[in-house]
Amino acid sequence: KDGVQGNLQDSIDFTLSNFVEMNKLWVRLQHQGKS
């Protein structure tokens, strides 16, 4: 259903977006600090 309470597609978008951002941060950890 469409509406302010959201639907399954909104949950998928939310979780996928969070995954992408977390993975980017996780990968960036490898390049912090001294070699």
PDB file of all heavy atoms in Angstrom:
ATOM      1  N   LYS A   1       0.825  -1.202   0.000  1.00  0.00           N
ATOM      2  CA  LYS A   1       0.000   0.000   0.000  1.00  0.00           C
ATOM      3  C   LYS A   1       0.865   1.261   0.000  1.00  0.00           C
ATOM      4  O   LYS A   1       1.905   1.310   0.654  1.00  0.00           O
ATOM      5  CB  LYS A   1      -0.919   0.016   1.227  1.00  0.00           C
ATOM      6  CG  LYS A   1      -1.973  -1.086   1.222  1.00  0.00           C
ATOM      7  CD  LYS A   1      -2.871  -0.979   2.445  1.00  0.00           C
ATOM      8  CE  LYS A   1      -3.934  -2.073   2.444  1.00  0.00           C
ATOM      9  NZ  LYS A   1      -4.804  -1.985   3.634  1.00  0.00           N
ATOM     10  N   ASP A   2       0.415   2.251  -0.737  1.00  0.00           N
ATOM     11  CA  ASP A   2       1.101   3.541  -0.709  1.00  0.00           C
ATOM     12  C   ASP A   2       0.577   4.359   0.461  1.00  0.00           C
ATOM     13  O   ASP A   2      -0.568   4.219   0.874  1.00  0.00           O
ATOM     14  CB  ASP A   2       0.859   4.299  -2.023  1.00  0.00           C
ATOM     15  CG  ASP A   2       1.549   3.632  -3.204  1.00  0.00           C
ATOM     16  OD1 ASP A   2       2.617   3.046  -2.982  1.00  0.00           O
ATOM     17  OD2 ASP A   2       1.000   3.690  -4.322  1.00  0.00           O
ATOM     18  N   GLY A   3       1.409   5.221   0.994  1.00  0.00           N
ATOM     19  CA  GLY A   3       0.971   6.058   2.099  1.00  0.00           C
ATOM     20  C   GLY A   3       2.116   6.404   3.008  1.00  0.00           C
ATOM     21  O   GLY A   3       3.257   5.969   2.826  1.00  0.00           O
ATOM     22  N   VAL A   4       1.819   7.181   4.029  1.00  0.00           N
ATOM     23  CA  VAL A   4       2.857   7.693   4.927  1.00  0.00           C
ATOM     24  C   VAL A   4       3.497   6.592   5.762  1.00  0.00           C
ATOM     25  O   VAL A   4       4.607   6.768   6.282  1.00  0.00           O
ATOM     26  CB  VAL A   4       2.280   8.782   5.864  1.00  0.00           C
ATOM     27  CG1 VAL A   4       1.836   9.990   5.075  1.00  0.00           C
ATOM     28  CG2 VAL A   4       1.139   8.232   6.713  1.00  0.00           C
ATOM     29  N   GLN A   5       2.805   5.466   5.906  1.00  0.00           N
ATOM     30  CA  GLN A   5       3.356   4.394   6.726  1.00  0.00           C
ATOM     31  C   GLN A   5       4.320   3.500   5.959  1.00  0.00           C
ATOM     32  O   GLN A   5       4.945   2.628   6.545  1.00  0.00           O
ATOM     33  CB  GLN A   5       2.223   3.560   7.333  1.00  0.00           C
ATOM     34  CG  GLN A   5       1.433   4.343   8.398  1.00  0.00           C
ATOM     35  CD  GLN A   5       0.445   3.460   9.110  1.00  0.00           C
ATOM     36  OE1 GLN A   5      -0.456   2.909   8.488  1.00  0.00           O
ATOM     37  NE2 GLN A   5       0.603   3.330  10.416  1.00  0.00           N
ATOM     38  N   GLY A   6       4.453   3.745   4.648  1.00  0.00           N
ATOM     39  CA  GLY A   6       5.440   3.012   3.869  1.00  0.00           C
ATOM     40  C   GLY A   6       4.994   1.608   3.492  1.00  0.00           C
ATOM     41  O   GLY A   6       3.945   1.122   3.920  1.00  0.00           O
ATOM     42  N   ASN A   7       5.818   0.952   2.687  1.00  0.00           N
ATOM     43  CA  ASN A   7       5.514  -0.408   2.244  1.00  0.00           C
ATOM     44  C   ASN A   7       6.809  -1.215   2.126  1.00  0.00           C
ATOM     45  O   ASN A   7       7.891  -0.731   2.485  1.00  0.00           O
ATOM     46  CB  ASN A   7       4.746  -0.388   0.917  1.00  0.00           C
ATOM     47  CG  ASN A   7       5.478   0.422  -0.157  1.00  0.00           C
ATOM     48  OD1 ASN A   7       6.701   0.401  -0.238  1.00  0.00           O
ATOM     49  ND2 ASN A   7       4.727   1.150  -0.973  1.00  0.00           N
ATOM     50  N   LEU A   8       6.682  -2.426   1.601  1.00  0.00           N
ATOM     51  CA  LEU A   8       7.831  -3.311   1.501  1.00  0.00           C
ATOM     52  C   LEU A   8       8.943  -2.711   0.649  1.00  0.00           C
ATOM     53  O   LEU A   8      10.131  -2.833   0.977  1.00  0.00           O
ATOM     54  CB  LEU A   8       7.392  -4.659   0.912  1.00  0.00           C
ATOM     55  CG  LEU A   8       8.499  -5.689   0.672  1.00  0.00           C
ATOM     56  CD1 LEU A   8       9.215  -6.049   1.972  1.00  0.00           C
ATOM     57  CD2 LEU A   8       7.932  -6.942   0.017  1.00  0.00           C
ATOM     58  N   GLN A   9       8.577  -2.051  -0.444  1.00  0.00           N
ATOM     59  CA  GLN A   9       9.582  -1.468  -1.313  1.00  0.00           C
ATOM     60  C   GLN A   9      10.395  -0.398  -0.582  1.00  0.00           C
ATOM     61  O   GLN A   9      11.610  -0.281  -0.782  1.00  0.00           O
ATOM     62  CB  GLN A   9       8.935  -0.869  -2.552  1.00  0.00           C
ATOM     63  CG  GLN A   9       9.922  -0.454  -3.637  1.00  0.00           C
ATOM     64  CD  GLN A   9      10.793  -1.604  -4.112  1.00  0.00           C
ATOM     65  OE1 GLN A   9      10.281  -2.639  -4.516  1.00  0.00           O
ATOM     66  NE2 GLN A   9      12.109  -1.446  -4.046  1.00  0.00           N
ATOM     67  N   ASP A  10       9.739   0.359   0.280  1.00  0.00           N
ATOM     68  CA  ASP A  10      10.447   1.365   1.080  1.00  0.00           C
ATOM     69  C   ASP A  10      11.451   0.706   2.024  1.00  0.00           C
ATOM     70  O   ASP A  10      12.568   1.218   2.221  1.00  0.00           O
ATOM     71  CB  ASP A  10       9.446   2.193   1.891  1.00  0.00           C
ATOM     72  CG  ASP A  10       8.532   3.024   1.006  1.00  0.00           C
ATOM     73  OD1 ASP A  10       9.032   3.601   0.019  1.00  0.00           O
ATOM     74  OD2 ASP A  10       7.327   3.076   1.298  1.00  0.00           O
ATOM     75  N   SER A  11      11.062  -0.432   2.598  1.00  0.00           N
ATOM     76  CA  SER A  11      11.957  -1.145   3.511  1.00  0.00           C
ATOM     77  C   SER A  11      13.161  -1.707   2.768  1.00  0.00           C
ATOM     78  O   SER A  11      14.285  -1.687   3.277  1.00  0.00           O
ATOM     79  CB  SER A  11      11.187  -2.285   4.202  1.00  0.00           C
ATOM     80  OG  SER A  11      10.163  -1.771   5.018  1.00  0.00           O
ATOM     81  N   ILE A  12      12.925  -2.205   1.546  1.00  0.00           N
ATOM     82  CA  ILE A  12      14.027  -2.722   0.737  1.00  0.00           C
ATOM     83  C   ILE A  12      15.002  -1.608   0.388  1.00  0.00           C
ATOM     84  O   ILE A  12      16.222  -1.758   0.523  1.00  0.00           O
ATOM     85  CB  ILE A  12      13.491  -3.391  -0.540  1.00  0.00           C
ATOM     86  CG1 ILE A  12      12.696  -4.652  -0.186  1.00  0.00           C
ATOM     87  CG2 ILE A  12      14.632  -3.740  -1.496  1.00  0.00           C
ATOM     88  CD1 ILE A  12      11.976  -5.281  -1.356  1.00  0.00           C
ATOM     89  N   ASP A  13      14.444  -0.468  -0.065  1.00  0.00           N
ATOM     90  CA  ASP A  13      15.293   0.677  -0.415  1.00  0.00           C
ATOM     91  C   ASP A  13      16.110   1.147   0.786  1.00  0.00           C
ATOM     92  O   ASP A  13      17.303   1.453   0.671  1.00  0.00           O
ATOM     93  CB  ASP A  13      14.432   1.826  -0.932  1.00  0.00           C
ATOM     94  CG  ASP A  13      13.786   1.518  -2.272  1.00  0.00           C
ATOM     95  OD1 ASP A  13      14.261   0.597  -2.963  1.00  0.00           O
ATOM     96  OD2 ASP A  13      12.794   2.196  -2.627  1.00  0.00           O
ATOM     97  N   PHE A  14      15.459   1.205   1.930  1.00  0.00           N
ATOM     98  CA  PHE A  14      16.100   1.652   3.166  1.00  0.00           C
ATOM     99  C   PHE A  14      17.267   0.731   3.539  1.00  0.00           C
ATOM    100  O   PHE A  14      18.386   1.186   3.820  1.00  0.00           O
ATOM    101  CB  PHE A  14      15.048   1.666   4.287  1.00  0.00           C
ATOM    102  CG  PHE A  14      15.577   2.023   5.655  1.00  0.00           C
ATOM    103  CD1 PHE A  14      15.742   3.350   6.024  1.00  0.00           C
ATOM    104  CD2 PHE A  14      15.882   1.032   6.566  1.00  0.00           C
ATOM    105  CE1 PHE A  14      16.219   3.677   7.296  1.00  0.00           C
ATOM    106  CE2 PHE A  14      16.352   1.344   7.827  1.00  0.00           C
ATOM    107  CZ  PHE A  14      16.517   2.670   8.202  1.00  0.00           C
ATOM    108  N   THR A  15      17.015  -0.570   3.511  1.00  0.00           N
ATOM    109  CA  THR A  15      18.034  -1.537   3.921  1.00  0.00           C
ATOM    110  C   THR A  15      19.174  -1.614   2.917  1.00  0.00           C
ATOM    111  O   THR A  15      20.353  -1.702   3.302  1.00  0.00           O
ATOM    112  CB  THR A  15      17.405  -2.930   4.109  1.00  0.00           C
ATOM    113  OG1 THR A  15      16.247  -2.822   4.957  1.00  0.00           O
ATOM    114  CG2 THR A  15      18.394  -3.887   4.743  1.00  0.00           C
ATOM    115  N   LEU A  16      18.848  -1.590   1.632  1.00  0.00           N
ATOM    116  CA  LEU A  16      19.897  -1.608   0.612  1.00  0.00           C
ATOM    117  C   LEU A  16      20.775  -0.367   0.690  1.00  0.00           C
ATOM    118  O   LEU A  16      22.000  -0.447   0.559  1.00  0.00           O
ATOM    119  CB  LEU A  16      19.273  -1.716  -0.785  1.00  0.00           C
ATOM    120  CG  LEU A  16      18.821  -3.102  -1.232  1.00  0.00           C
ATOM    121  CD1 LEU A  16      18.065  -3.023  -2.547  1.00  0.00           C
ATOM    122  CD2 LEU A  16      20.004  -4.060  -1.358  1.00  0.00           C
ATOM    123  N   SER A  17      20.145   0.783   0.897  1.00  0.00           N
ATOM    124  CA  SER A  17      20.900   2.028   1.005  1.00  0.00           C
ATOM    125  C   SER A  17      21.829   1.986   2.217  1.00  0.00           C
ATOM    126  O   SER A  17      23.002   2.391   2.136  1.00  0.00           O
ATOM    127  CB  SER A  17      19.936   3.209   1.129  1.00  0.00           C
ATOM    128  OG  SER A  17      20.638   4.416   1.271  1.00  0.00           O
ATOM    129  N   ASN A  18      21.331   1.460   3.328  1.00  0.00           N
ATOM    130  CA  ASN A  18      22.164   1.363   4.528  1.00  0.00           C
ATOM    131  C   ASN A  18      23.320   0.397   4.303  1.00  0.00           C
ATOM    132  O   ASN A  18      24.455   0.645   4.742  1.00  0.00           O
ATOM    133  CB  ASN A  18      21.316   0.893   5.711  1.00  0.00           C
ATOM    134  CG  ASN A  18      21.957   1.225   7.051  1.00  0.00           C
ATOM    135  OD1 ASN A  18      22.388   2.355   7.278  1.00  0.00           O
ATOM    136  ND2 ASN A  18      22.027   0.246   7.920  1.00  0.00           N
ATOM    137  N   PHE A  19      23.051  -0.686   3.588  1.00  0.00           N
ATOM    138  CA  PHE A  19      24.106  -1.652   3.272  1.00  0.00           C
ATOM    139  C   PHE A  19      25.209  -1.015   2.435  1.00  0.00           C
ATOM    140  O   PHE A  19      26.396  -1.179   2.715  1.00  0.00           O
ATOM    141  CB  PHE A  19      23.512  -2.851   2.520  1.00  0.00           C
ATOM    142  CG  PHE A  19      24.530  -3.657   1.775  1.00  0.00           C
ATOM    143  CD1 PHE A  19      25.431  -4.468   2.455  1.00  0.00           C
ATOM    144  CD2 PHE A  19      24.621  -3.588   0.388  1.00  0.00           C
ATOM    145  CE1 PHE A  19      26.393  -5.208   1.767  1.00  0.00           C
ATOM    146  CE2 PHE A  19      25.574  -4.320  -0.305  1.00  0.00           C
ATOM    147  CZ  PHE A  19      26.459  -5.132   0.389  1.00  0.00           C
ATOM    148  N   VAL A  20      24.820  -0.297   1.399  1.00  0.00           N
ATOM    149  CA  VAL A  20      25.803   0.329   0.510  1.00  0.00           C
ATOM    150  C   VAL A  20      26.693   1.297   1.287  1.00  0.00           C
ATOM    151  O   VAL A  20      27.923   1.293   1.151  1.00  0.00           O
ATOM    152  CB  VAL A  20      25.101   1.060  -0.655  1.00  0.00           C
ATOM    153  CG1 VAL A  20      26.098   1.918  -1.430  1.00  0.00           C
ATOM    154  CG2 VAL A  20      24.436   0.050  -1.588  1.00  0.00           C
ATOM    155  N   GLU A  21      26.076   2.138   2.121  1.00  0.00           N
ATOM    156  CA  GLU A  21      26.847   3.114   2.879  1.00  0.00           C
ATOM    157  C   GLU A  21      27.747   2.451   3.911  1.00  0.00           C
ATOM    158  O   GLU A  21      28.898   2.869   4.119  1.00  0.00           O
ATOM    159  CB  GLU A  21      25.899   4.109   3.566  1.00  0.00           C
ATOM    160  CG  GLU A  21      25.114   4.989   2.603  1.00  0.00           C
ATOM    161  CD  GLU A  21      26.014   5.798   1.679  1.00  0.00           C
ATOM    162  OE1 GLU A  21      27.051   6.297   2.154  1.00  0.00           O
ATOM    163  OE2 GLU A  21      25.688   5.907   0.482  1.00  0.00           O
ATOM    164  N   MET A  22      27.241   1.393   4.559  1.00  0.00           N
ATOM    165  CA  MET A  22      28.067   0.696   5.548  1.00  0.00           C
ATOM    166  C   MET A  22      29.245  -0.003   4.889  1.00  0.00           C
ATOM    167  O   MET A  22      30.359  -0.016   5.431  1.00  0.00           O
ATOM    168  CB  MET A  22      27.210  -0.318   6.322  1.00  0.00           C
ATOM    169  CG  MET A  22      26.278   0.306   7.342  1.00  0.00           C
ATOM    170  SD  MET A  22      25.393  -0.925   8.323  1.00  0.00           S
ATOM    171  CE  MET A  22      26.694  -1.548   9.377  1.00  0.00           C
ATOM    172  N   ASN A  23      29.009  -0.581   3.727  1.00  0.00           N
ATOM    173  CA  ASN A  23      30.100  -1.262   3.045  1.00  0.00           C
ATOM    174  C   ASN A  23      31.185  -0.274   2.625  1.00  0.00           C
ATOM    175  O   ASN A  23      32.384  -0.572   2.718  1.00  0.00           O
ATOM    176  CB  ASN A  23      29.567  -2.015   1.823  1.00  0.00           C
ATOM    177  CG  ASN A  23      30.602  -2.950   1.237  1.00  0.00           C
ATOM    178  OD1 ASN A  23      31.245  -3.710   1.950  1.00  0.00           O
ATOM    179  ND2 ASN A  23      30.795  -2.884  -0.076  1.00  0.00           N
ATOM    180  N   LYS A  24      30.782   0.904   2.176  1.00  0.00           N
ATOM    181  CA  LYS A  24      31.755   1.929   1.798  1.00  0.00           C
ATOM    182  C   LYS A  24      32.609   2.341   2.996  1.00  0.00           C
ATOM    183  O   LYS A  24      33.828   2.499   2.891  1.00  0.00           O
ATOM    184  CB  LYS A  24      31.043   3.154   1.224  1.00  0.00           C
ATOM    185  CG  LYS A  24      30.431   2.927  -0.153  1.00  0.00           C
ATOM    186  CD  LYS A  24      29.695   4.172  -0.627  1.00  0.00           C
ATOM    187  CE  LYS A  24      29.091   3.963  -2.007  1.00  0.00           C
ATOM    188  NZ  LYS A  24      28.315   5.142  -2.465  1.00  0.00           N
ATOM    189  N   LEU A  25      31.961   2.504   4.145  1.00  0.00           N
ATOM    190  CA  LEU A  25      32.691   2.880   5.360  1.00  0.00           C
ATOM    191  C   LEU A  25      33.619   1.761   5.797  1.00  0.00           C
ATOM    192  O   LEU A  25      34.768   1.996   6.204  1.00  0.00           O
ATOM    193  CB  LEU A  25      31.693   3.195   6.482  1.00  0.00           C
ATOM    194  CG  LEU A  25      30.838   4.453   6.295  1.00  0.00           C
ATOM    195  CD1 LEU A  25      29.698   4.474   7.302  1.00  0.00           C
ATOM    196  CD2 LEU A  25      31.689   5.713   6.437  1.00  0.00           C
ATOM    197  N   TRP A  26      33.134   0.532   5.683  1.00  0.00           N
ATOM    198  CA  TRP A  26      33.933  -0.641   6.082  1.00  0.00           C
ATOM    199  C   TRP A  26      35.174  -0.777   5.197  1.00  0.00           C
ATOM    200  O   TRP A  26      36.267  -1.037   5.687  1.00  0.00           O
ATOM    201  CB  TRP A  26      33.054  -1.882   5.978  1.00  0.00           C
ATOM    202  CG  TRP A  26      33.678  -3.151   6.476  1.00  0.00           C
ATOM    203  CD1 TRP A  26      34.389  -3.317   7.628  1.00  0.00           C
ATOM    204  CD2 TRP A  26      33.633  -4.426   5.836  1.00  0.00           C
ATOM    205  NE1 TRP A  26      34.786  -4.642   7.745  1.00  0.00           N
ATOM    206  CE2 TRP A  26      34.334  -5.341   6.667  1.00  0.00           C
ATOM    207  CE3 TRP A  26      33.061  -4.897   4.665  1.00  0.00           C
ATOM    208  CZ2 TRP A  26      34.478  -6.683   6.339  1.00  0.00           C
ATOM    209  CZ3 TRP A  26      33.200  -6.239   4.348  1.00  0.00           C
ATOM    210  CH2 TRP A  26      33.901  -7.123   5.176  1.00  0.00           C
ATOM    211  N   VAL A  27      35.003  -0.570   3.913  1.00  0.00           N
ATOM    212  CA  VAL A  27      36.145  -0.639   2.990  1.00  0.00           C
ATOM    213  C   VAL A  27      37.125   0.489   3.284  1.00  0.00           C
ATOM    214  O   VAL A  27      38.350   0.302   3.239  1.00  0.00           O
ATOM    215  CB  VAL A  27      35.655  -0.566   1.526  1.00  0.00           C
ATOM    216  CG1 VAL A  27      36.831  -0.399   0.568  1.00  0.00           C
ATOM    217  CG2 VAL A  27      34.864  -1.825   1.169  1.00  0.00           C
ATOM    218  N   ARG A  28      36.595   1.661   3.611  1.00  0.00           N
ATOM    219  CA  ARG A  28      37.451   2.817   3.872  1.00  0.00           C
ATOM    220  C   ARG A  28      38.350   2.592   5.092  1.00  0.00           C
ATOM    221  O   ARG A  28      39.433   3.179   5.198  1.00  0.00           O
ATOM    222  CB  ARG A  28      36.589   4.064   4.085  1.00  0.00           C
ATOM    223  CG  ARG A  28      37.365   5.372   3.930  1.00  0.00           C
ATOM    224  CD  ARG A  28      36.472   6.567   4.173  1.00  0.00           C
ATOM    225  NE  ARG A  28      35.350   6.554   3.250  1.00  0.00           N
ATOM    226  CZ  ARG A  28      34.219   7.251   3.437  1.00  0.00           C
ATOM    227  NH1 ARG A  28      34.073   7.986   4.533  1.00  0.00           N
ATOM    228  NH2 ARG A  28      33.255   7.200   2.550  1.00  0.00           N
ATOM    229  N   LEU A  29      37.911   1.740   6.013  1.00  0.00           N
ATOM    230  CA  LEU A  29      38.731   1.442   7.186  1.00  0.00           C
ATOM    231  C   LEU A  29      40.107   0.904   6.790  1.00  0.00           C
ATOM    232  O   LEU A  29      41.098   1.130   7.485  1.00  0.00           O
ATOM    233  CB  LEU A  29      38.033   0.392   8.061  1.00  0.00           C
ATOM    234  CG  LEU A  29      37.100   0.875   9.163  1.00  0.00           C
ATOM    235  CD1 LEU A  29      36.413  -0.304   9.817  1.00  0.00           C
ATOM    236  CD2 LEU A  29      37.859   1.684  10.200  1.00  0.00           C
ATOM    237  N   GLN A  30      40.150   0.185   5.671  1.00  0.00           N
ATOM    238  CA  GLN A  30      41.398  -0.429   5.221  1.00  0.00           C
ATOM    239  C   GLN A  30      42.457   0.619   4.874  1.00  0.00           C
ATOM    240  O   GLN A  30      43.648   0.343   4.924  1.00  0.00           O
ATOM    241  CB  GLN A  30      41.130  -1.315   4.004  1.00  0.00           C
ATOM    242  CG  GLN A  30      42.304  -2.173   3.562  1.00  0.00           C
ATOM    243  CD  GLN A  30      42.665  -3.237   4.589  1.00  0.00           C
ATOM    244  OE1 GLN A  30      41.808  -3.950   5.081  1.00  0.00           O
ATOM    245  NE2 GLN A  30      43.946  -3.336   4.921  1.00  0.00           N
ATOM    246  N   HIS A  31      42.012   1.809   4.549  1.00  0.00           N
ATOM    247  CA  HIS A  31      42.924   2.830   4.045  1.00  0.00           C
ATOM    248  C   HIS A  31      43.205   3.930   5.069  1.00  0.00           C
ATOM    249  O   HIS A  31      43.716   4.985   4.724  1.00  0.00           O
ATOM    250  CB  HIS A  31      42.349   3.441   2.765  1.00  0.00           C
ATOM    251  CG  HIS A  31      41.984   2.406   1.739  1.00  0.00           C
ATOM    252  ND1 HIS A  31      42.929   1.669   1.059  1.00  0.00           N
ATOM    253  CD2 HIS A  31      40.773   1.963   1.317  1.00  0.00           C
ATOM    254  CE1 HIS A  31      42.317   0.832   0.236  1.00  0.00           C
ATOM    255  NE2 HIS A  31      41.013   0.981   0.373  1.00  0.00           N
ATOM    256  N   GLN A  32      42.842   3.665   6.334  1.00  0.00           N
ATOM    257  CA  GLN A  32      43.120   4.618   7.398  1.00  0.00           C
ATOM    258  C   GLN A  32      44.469   4.323   8.030  1.00  0.00           C
ATOM    259  O   GLN A  32      44.923   3.174   8.072  1.00  0.00           O
ATOM    260  CB  GLN A  32      42.026   4.554   8.470  1.00  0.00           C
ATOM    261  CG  GLN A  32      40.626   4.844   7.948  1.00  0.00           C
ATOM    262  CD  GLN A  32      40.460   6.266   7.486  1.00  0.00           C
ATOM    263  OE1 GLN A  32      40.679   7.204   8.246  1.00  0.00           O
ATOM    264  NE2 GLN A  32      40.067   6.438   6.233  1.00  0.00           N
ATOM    265  N   GLY A  33      45.127   5.333   8.561  1.00  0.00           N
ATOM    266  CA  GLY A  33      46.355   5.128   9.325  1.00  0.00           C
ATOM    267  C   GLY A  33      47.579   4.868   8.473  1.00  0.00           C
ATOM    268  O   GLY A  33      47.606   5.098   7.265  1.00  0.00           O
ATOM    269  N   LYS A  34      48.603   4.336   9.123  1.00  0.00           N
ATOM    270  CA  LYS A  34      49.906   4.133   8.488  1.00  0.00           C
ATOM    271  C   LYS A  34      49.931   2.837   7.682  1.00  0.00           C
ATOM    272  O   LYS A  34      49.245   1.877   8.000  1.00  0.00           O
ATOM    273  CB  LYS A  34      51.007   4.089   9.553  1.00  0.00           C
ATOM    274  CG  LYS A  34      51.083   5.365  10.398  1.00  0.00           C
ATOM    275  CD  LYS A  34      52.125   5.225  11.492  1.00  0.00           C
ATOM    276  CE  LYS A  34      52.192   6.484  12.350  1.00  0.00           C
ATOM    277  NZ  LYS A  34      53.184   6.350  13.452  1.00  0.00           N
ATOM    278  N   SER A  35      50.767   2.831   6.653  1.00  0.00           N
ATOM    279  CA  SER A  35      50.862   1.659   5.773  1.00  0.00           C
ATOM    280  C   SER A  35      51.387   0.439   6.512  1.00  0.00           C
ATOM    281  O   SER A  35      51.020  -0.691   6.208  1.00  0.00           O
ATOM    282  CB  SER A  35      51.757   1.969   4.568  1.00  0.00           C
ATOM    283  OG  SER A  35      53.051   2.367   4.991  1.00  0.00           O
TER     284      SER A  35
END
